[in-house]
Amino acid sequence: MKVLILQGSPRVNGNTAWMAEEYKKAAEAVGHEVTLVNVAKKKIAGCLACEYCHNKGNALAGKL
């Protein structure tokens, strides 16, 4: 089974990071494929309504 862990705490060595890493180790130990992503370090934002998708013919434009 593939497992995705999204870790959102900005504290690199905090309790949440530790807990996510321990969960990853436990899941891998029983044979799961695990990806751990620290989303606190990602630039995530909503739509800016720049019209790029609409102008490029994106099928999702205006449907989200």
PDB file of N, CA and C in Angstrom:
ATOM      1  N   MET A   1       0.842  -1.165   0.000  1.00  0.00           N
ATOM      2  CA  MET A   1       0.000   0.000   0.000  1.00  0.00           C
ATOM      3  C   MET A   1       0.895   1.238   0.000  1.00  0.00           C
ATOM      4  N   LYS A   2       0.472   2.260  -0.730  1.00  0.00           N
ATOM      5  CA  LYS A   2       1.191   3.530  -0.735  1.00  0.00           C
ATOM      6  C   LYS A   2       0.577   4.444   0.317  1.00  0.00           C
ATOM      7  N   VAL A   3       1.434   5.064   1.119  1.00  0.00           N
ATOM      8  CA  VAL A   3       0.992   5.948   2.198  1.00  0.00           C
ATOM      9  C   VAL A   3       1.628   7.316   1.985  1.00  0.00           C
ATOM     10  N   LEU A   4       0.816   8.367   2.077  1.00  0.00           N
ATOM     11  CA  LEU A   4       1.308   9.730   1.978  1.00  0.00           C
ATOM     12  C   LEU A   4       1.103  10.405   3.326  1.00  0.00           C
ATOM     13  N   ILE A   5       2.188  10.939   3.889  1.00  0.00           N
ATOM     14  CA  ILE A   5       2.114  11.663   5.160  1.00  0.00           C
ATOM     15  C   ILE A   5       2.397  13.126   4.864  1.00  0.00           C
ATOM     16  N   LEU A   6       1.456  13.992   5.198  1.00  0.00           N
ATOM     17  CA  LEU A   6       1.637  15.430   5.049  1.00  0.00           C
ATOM     18  C   LEU A   6       1.918  15.996   6.430  1.00  0.00           C
ATOM     19  N   GLN A   7       3.128  16.466   6.624  1.00  0.00           N
ATOM     20  CA  GLN A   7       3.564  16.999   7.912  1.00  0.00           C
ATOM     21  C   GLN A   7       3.594  18.514   7.785  1.00  0.00           C
ATOM     22  N   GLY A   8       2.795  19.219   8.572  1.00  0.00           N
ATOM     23  CA  GLY A   8       2.637  20.654   8.398  1.00  0.00           C
ATOM     24  C   GLY A   8       3.262  21.544   9.451  1.00  0.00           C
ATOM     25  N   SER A   9       3.928  20.986  10.419  1.00  0.00           N
ATOM     26  CA  SER A   9       4.519  21.820  11.460  1.00  0.00           C
ATOM     27  C   SER A   9       5.789  22.499  10.958  1.00  0.00           C
ATOM     28  N   PRO A  10       5.943  23.794  11.223  1.00  0.00           N
ATOM     29  CA  PRO A  10       7.163  24.483  10.807  1.00  0.00           C
ATOM     30  C   PRO A  10       8.375  24.147  11.689  1.00  0.00           C
ATOM     31  N   ARG A  11       8.157  23.491  12.812  1.00  0.00           N
ATOM     32  CA  ARG A  11       9.265  23.123  13.699  1.00  0.00           C
ATOM     33  C   ARG A  11       9.932  21.857  13.176  1.00  0.00           C
ATOM     34  N   VAL A  12      11.121  22.009  12.629  1.00  0.00           N
ATOM     35  CA  VAL A  12      11.832  20.906  11.966  1.00  0.00           C
ATOM     36  C   VAL A  12      12.013  19.692  12.874  1.00  0.00           C
ATOM     37  N   ASN A  13      12.385  19.893  14.110  1.00  0.00           N
ATOM     38  CA  ASN A  13      12.611  18.783  15.039  1.00  0.00           C
ATOM     39  C   ASN A  13      11.570  18.742  16.153  1.00  0.00           C
ATOM     40  N   GLY A  14      10.377  19.212  15.861  1.00  0.00           N
ATOM     41  CA  GLY A  14       9.318  19.251  16.864  1.00  0.00           C
ATOM     42  C   GLY A  14       8.612  17.909  17.030  1.00  0.00           C
ATOM     43  N   ASN A  15       7.611  17.899  17.899  1.00  0.00           N
ATOM     44  CA  ASN A  15       6.867  16.675  18.200  1.00  0.00           C
ATOM     45  C   ASN A  15       6.132  16.120  16.979  1.00  0.00           C
ATOM     46  N   THR A  16       5.549  16.994  16.178  1.00  0.00           N
ATOM     47  CA  THR A  16       4.817  16.541  14.997  1.00  0.00           C
ATOM     48  C   THR A  16       5.754  15.892  13.991  1.00  0.00           C
ATOM     49  N   ALA A  17       6.920  16.495  13.770  1.00  0.00           N
ATOM     50  CA  ALA A  17       7.907  15.925  12.850  1.00  0.00           C
ATOM     51  C   ALA A  17       8.382  14.558  13.361  1.00  0.00           C
ATOM     52  N   TRP A  18       8.618  14.462  14.641  1.00  0.00           N
ATOM     53  CA  TRP A  18       9.049  13.200  15.242  1.00  0.00           C
ATOM     54  C   TRP A  18       7.972  12.133  15.070  1.00  0.00           C
ATOM     55  N   MET A  19       6.714  12.498  15.356  1.00  0.00           N
ATOM     56  CA  MET A  19       5.610  11.552  15.257  1.00  0.00           C
ATOM     57  C   MET A  19       5.416  11.087  13.805  1.00  0.00           C
ATOM     58  N   ALA A  20       5.510  12.006  12.858  1.00  0.00           N
ATOM     59  CA  ALA A  20       5.363  11.640  11.442  1.00  0.00           C
ATOM     60  C   ALA A  20       6.479  10.685  11.015  1.00  0.00           C
ATOM     61  N   GLU A  21       7.684  10.936  11.452  1.00  0.00           N
ATOM     62  CA  GLU A  21       8.816  10.073  11.109  1.00  0.00           C
ATOM     63  C   GLU A  21       8.653   8.684  11.721  1.00  0.00           C
ATOM     64  N   GLU A  22       8.176   8.620  12.948  1.00  0.00           N
ATOM     65  CA  GLU A  22       7.953   7.322  13.604  1.00  0.00           C
ATOM     66  C   GLU A  22       6.853   6.540  12.895  1.00  0.00           C
ATOM     67  N   TYR A  23       5.810   7.228  12.477  1.00  0.00           N
ATOM     68  CA  TYR A  23       4.733   6.571  11.740  1.00  0.00           C
ATOM     69  C   TYR A  23       5.270   6.031  10.415  1.00  0.00           C
ATOM     70  N   LYS A  24       6.114   6.816   9.749  1.00  0.00           N
ATOM     71  CA  LYS A  24       6.722   6.393   8.488  1.00  0.00           C
ATOM     72  C   LYS A  24       7.544   5.120   8.693  1.00  0.00           C
ATOM     73  N   LYS A  25       8.377   5.122   9.738  1.00  0.00           N
ATOM     74  CA  LYS A  25       9.209   3.946  10.025  1.00  0.00           C
ATOM     75  C   LYS A  25       8.352   2.707  10.275  1.00  0.00           C
ATOM     76  N   ALA A  26       7.282   2.868  11.046  1.00  0.00           N
ATOM     77  CA  ALA A  26       6.415   1.738  11.378  1.00  0.00           C
ATOM     78  C   ALA A  26       5.706   1.207  10.134  1.00  0.00           C
ATOM     79  N   ALA A  27       5.235   2.104   9.279  1.00  0.00           N
ATOM     80  CA  ALA A  27       4.542   1.681   8.063  1.00  0.00           C
ATOM     81  C   ALA A  27       5.508   0.980   7.099  1.00  0.00           C
ATOM     82  N   GLU A  28       6.723   1.500   6.989  1.00  0.00           N
ATOM     83  CA  GLU A  28       7.720   0.869   6.123  1.00  0.00           C
ATOM     84  C   GLU A  28       8.130  -0.499   6.659  1.00  0.00           C
ATOM     85  N   ALA A  29       8.151  -0.635   7.974  1.00  0.00           N
ATOM     86  CA  ALA A  29       8.554  -1.899   8.596  1.00  0.00           C
ATOM     87  C   ALA A  29       7.602  -3.047   8.254  1.00  0.00           C
ATOM     88  N   VAL A  30       6.350  -2.719   7.963  1.00  0.00           N
ATOM     89  CA  VAL A  30       5.383  -3.766   7.601  1.00  0.00           C
ATOM     90  C   VAL A  30       5.155  -3.828   6.094  1.00  0.00           C
ATOM     91  N   GLY A  31       6.012  -3.145   5.333  1.00  0.00           N
ATOM     92  CA  GLY A  31       5.991  -3.299   3.896  1.00  0.00           C
ATOM     93  C   GLY A  31       5.301  -2.229   3.066  1.00  0.00           C
ATOM     94  N   HIS A  32       4.848  -1.158   3.674  1.00  0.00           N
ATOM     95  CA  HIS A  32       4.188  -0.099   2.921  1.00  0.00           C
ATOM     96  C   HIS A  32       5.216   0.837   2.286  1.00  0.00           C
ATOM     97  N   GLU A  33       4.834   1.430   1.166  1.00  0.00           N
ATOM     98  CA  GLU A  33       5.666   2.433   0.502  1.00  0.00           C
ATOM     99  C   GLU A  33       5.197   3.796   1.006  1.00  0.00           C
ATOM    100  N   VAL A  34       6.080   4.534   1.682  1.00  0.00           N
ATOM    101  CA  VAL A  34       5.692   5.765   2.371  1.00  0.00           C
ATOM    102  C   VAL A  34       6.410   6.978   1.794  1.00  0.00           C
ATOM    103  N   THR A  35       5.646   8.050   1.563  1.00  0.00           N
ATOM    104  CA  THR A  35       6.199   9.338   1.164  1.00  0.00           C
ATOM    105  C   THR A  35       5.837  10.338   2.244  1.00  0.00           C
ATOM    106  N   LEU A  36       6.838  11.011   2.770  1.00  0.00           N
ATOM    107  CA  LEU A  36       6.635  12.028   3.806  1.00  0.00           C
ATOM    108  C   LEU A  36       6.942  13.392   3.201  1.00  0.00           C
ATOM    109  N   VAL A  37       5.962  14.287   3.238  1.00  0.00           N
ATOM    110  CA  VAL A  37       6.129  15.617   2.657  1.00  0.00           C
ATOM    111  C   VAL A  37       5.941  16.664   3.752  1.00  0.00           C
ATOM    112  N   ASN A  38       6.919  17.546   3.897  1.00  0.00           N
ATOM    113  CA  ASN A  38       6.814  18.642   4.845  1.00  0.00           C
ATOM    114  C   ASN A  38       6.174  19.822   4.115  1.00  0.00           C
ATOM    115  N   VAL A  39       4.859  19.973   4.259  1.00  0.00           N
ATOM    116  CA  VAL A  39       4.142  21.020   3.530  1.00  0.00           C
ATOM    117  C   VAL A  39       4.391  22.409   4.103  1.00  0.00           C
ATOM    118  N   ALA A  40       4.942  22.491   5.303  1.00  0.00           N
ATOM    119  CA  ALA A  40       5.246  23.800   5.887  1.00  0.00           C
ATOM    120  C   ALA A  40       6.323  24.516   5.087  1.00  0.00           C
ATOM    121  N   LYS A  41       7.121  23.764   4.350  1.00  0.00           N
ATOM    122  CA  LYS A  41       8.203  24.355   3.557  1.00  0.00           C
ATOM    123  C   LYS A  41       7.802  24.565   2.093  1.00  0.00           C
ATOM    124  N   LYS A  42       6.552  24.250   1.748  1.00  0.00           N
ATOM    125  CA  LYS A  42       6.072  24.414   0.380  1.00  0.00           C
ATOM    126  C   LYS A  42       5.319  25.731   0.249  1.00  0.00           C
ATOM    127  N   LYS A  43       5.380  26.301  -0.924  1.00  0.00           N
ATOM    128  CA  LYS A  43       4.611  27.510  -1.198  1.00  0.00           C
ATOM    129  C   LYS A  43       3.275  27.060  -1.783  1.00  0.00           C
ATOM    130  N   ILE A  44       2.241  27.114  -0.964  1.00  0.00           N
ATOM    131  CA  ILE A  44       0.913  26.655  -1.363  1.00  0.00           C
ATOM    132  C   ILE A  44      -0.038  27.836  -1.251  1.00  0.00           C
ATOM    133  N   ALA A  45      -0.741  28.101  -2.330  1.00  0.00           N
ATOM    134  CA  ALA A  45      -1.680  29.227  -2.335  1.00  0.00           C
ATOM    135  C   ALA A  45      -2.872  28.886  -3.212  1.00  0.00           C
ATOM    136  N   GLY A  46      -3.903  29.613  -3.023  1.00  0.00           N
ATOM    137  CA  GLY A  46      -5.096  29.427  -3.830  1.00  0.00           C
ATOM    138  C   GLY A  46      -4.960  30.099  -5.185  1.00  0.00           C
ATOM    139  N   CYS A  47      -6.000  30.002  -5.957  1.00  0.00           N
ATOM    140  CA  CYS A  47      -6.040  30.602  -7.289  1.00  0.00           C
ATOM    141  C   CYS A  47      -5.965  32.119  -7.175  1.00  0.00           C
ATOM    142  N   LEU A  48      -5.142  32.724  -8.032  1.00  0.00           N
ATOM    143  CA  LEU A  48      -4.988  34.177  -8.051  1.00  0.00           C
ATOM    144  C   LEU A  48      -5.856  34.831  -9.125  1.00  0.00           C
ATOM    145  N   ALA A  49      -6.642  34.028  -9.832  1.00  0.00           N
ATOM    146  CA  ALA A  49      -7.509  34.506 -10.915  1.00  0.00           C
ATOM    147  C   ALA A  49      -6.704  35.255 -11.975  1.00  0.00           C
ATOM    148  N   CYS A  50      -5.559  34.707 -12.328  1.00  0.00           N
ATOM    149  CA  CYS A  50      -4.680  35.359 -13.305  1.00  0.00           C
ATOM    150  C   CYS A  50      -5.108  35.078 -14.746  1.00  0.00           C
ATOM    151  N   GLU A  51      -6.054  34.169 -14.943  1.00  0.00           N
ATOM    152  CA  GLU A  51      -6.586  33.783 -16.249  1.00  0.00           C
ATOM    153  C   GLU A  51      -5.627  32.947 -17.089  1.00  0.00           C
ATOM    154  N   TYR A  52      -4.461  32.551 -16.552  1.00  0.00           N
ATOM    155  CA  TYR A  52      -3.503  31.742 -17.305  1.00  0.00           C
ATOM    156  C   TYR A  52      -4.147  30.431 -17.767  1.00  0.00           C
ATOM    157  N   CYS A  53      -4.778  29.720 -16.867  1.00  0.00           N
ATOM    158  CA  CYS A  53      -5.390  28.431 -17.211  1.00  0.00           C
ATOM    159  C   CYS A  53      -6.491  28.619 -18.252  1.00  0.00           C
ATOM    160  N   HIS A  54      -7.298  29.635 -18.065  1.00  0.00           N
ATOM    161  CA  HIS A  54      -8.403  29.907 -18.984  1.00  0.00           C
ATOM    162  C   HIS A  54      -7.878  30.218 -20.378  1.00  0.00           C
ATOM    163  N   ASN A  55      -6.850  31.025 -20.477  1.00  0.00           N
ATOM    164  CA  ASN A  55      -6.286  31.415 -21.771  1.00  0.00           C
ATOM    165  C   ASN A  55      -5.547  30.283 -22.468  1.00  0.00           C
ATOM    166  N   LYS A  56      -5.045  29.313 -21.717  1.00  0.00           N
ATOM    167  CA  LYS A  56      -4.310  28.192 -22.298  1.00  0.00           C
ATOM    168  C   LYS A  56      -5.206  27.009 -22.621  1.00  0.00           C
ATOM    169  N   GLY A  57      -6.508  27.139 -22.387  1.00  0.00           N
ATOM    170  CA  GLY A  57      -7.444  26.077 -22.711  1.00  0.00           C
ATOM    171  C   GLY A  57      -7.467  24.942 -21.714  1.00  0.00           C
ATOM    172  N   ASN A  58      -7.102  25.201 -20.484  1.00  0.00           N
ATOM    173  CA  ASN A  58      -7.115  24.179 -19.441  1.00  0.00           C
ATOM    174  C   ASN A  58      -8.551  23.733 -19.198  1.00  0.00           C
ATOM    175  N   ALA A  59      -8.779  22.426 -19.231  1.00  0.00           N
ATOM    176  CA  ALA A  59     -10.120  21.884 -19.056  1.00  0.00           C
ATOM    177  C   ALA A  59     -10.702  22.156 -17.686  1.00  0.00           C
ATOM    178  N   LEU A  60      -9.851  22.414 -16.692  1.00  0.00           N
ATOM    179  CA  LEU A  60     -10.340  22.664 -15.342  1.00  0.00           C
ATOM    180  C   LEU A  60     -10.671  24.129 -15.096  1.00  0.00           C
ATOM    181  N   ALA A  61     -10.290  25.014 -15.982  1.00  0.00           N
ATOM    182  CA  ALA A  61     -10.504  26.443 -15.777  1.00  0.00           C
ATOM    183  C   ALA A  61     -11.978  26.726 -15.578  1.00  0.00           C
ATOM    184  N   GLY A  62     -12.292  27.382 -14.497  1.00  0.00           N
ATOM    185  CA  GLY A  62     -13.673  27.767 -14.189  1.00  0.00           C
ATOM    186  C   GLY A  62     -14.503  26.668 -13.572  1.00  0.00           C
ATOM    187  N   LYS A  63     -13.968  25.461 -13.401  1.00  0.00           N
ATOM    188  CA  LYS A  63     -14.745  24.348 -12.866  1.00  0.00           C
ATOM    189  C   LYS A  63     -14.397  24.003 -11.426  1.00  0.00           C
ATOM    190  N   LEU A  64     -13.420  24.693 -10.868  1.00  0.00           N
ATOM    191  CA  LEU A  64     -13.004  24.367  -9.507  1.00  0.00           C
ATOM    192  C   LEU A  64     -13.718  25.225  -8.510  1.00  0.00           C
TER     193      LEU A  64
END
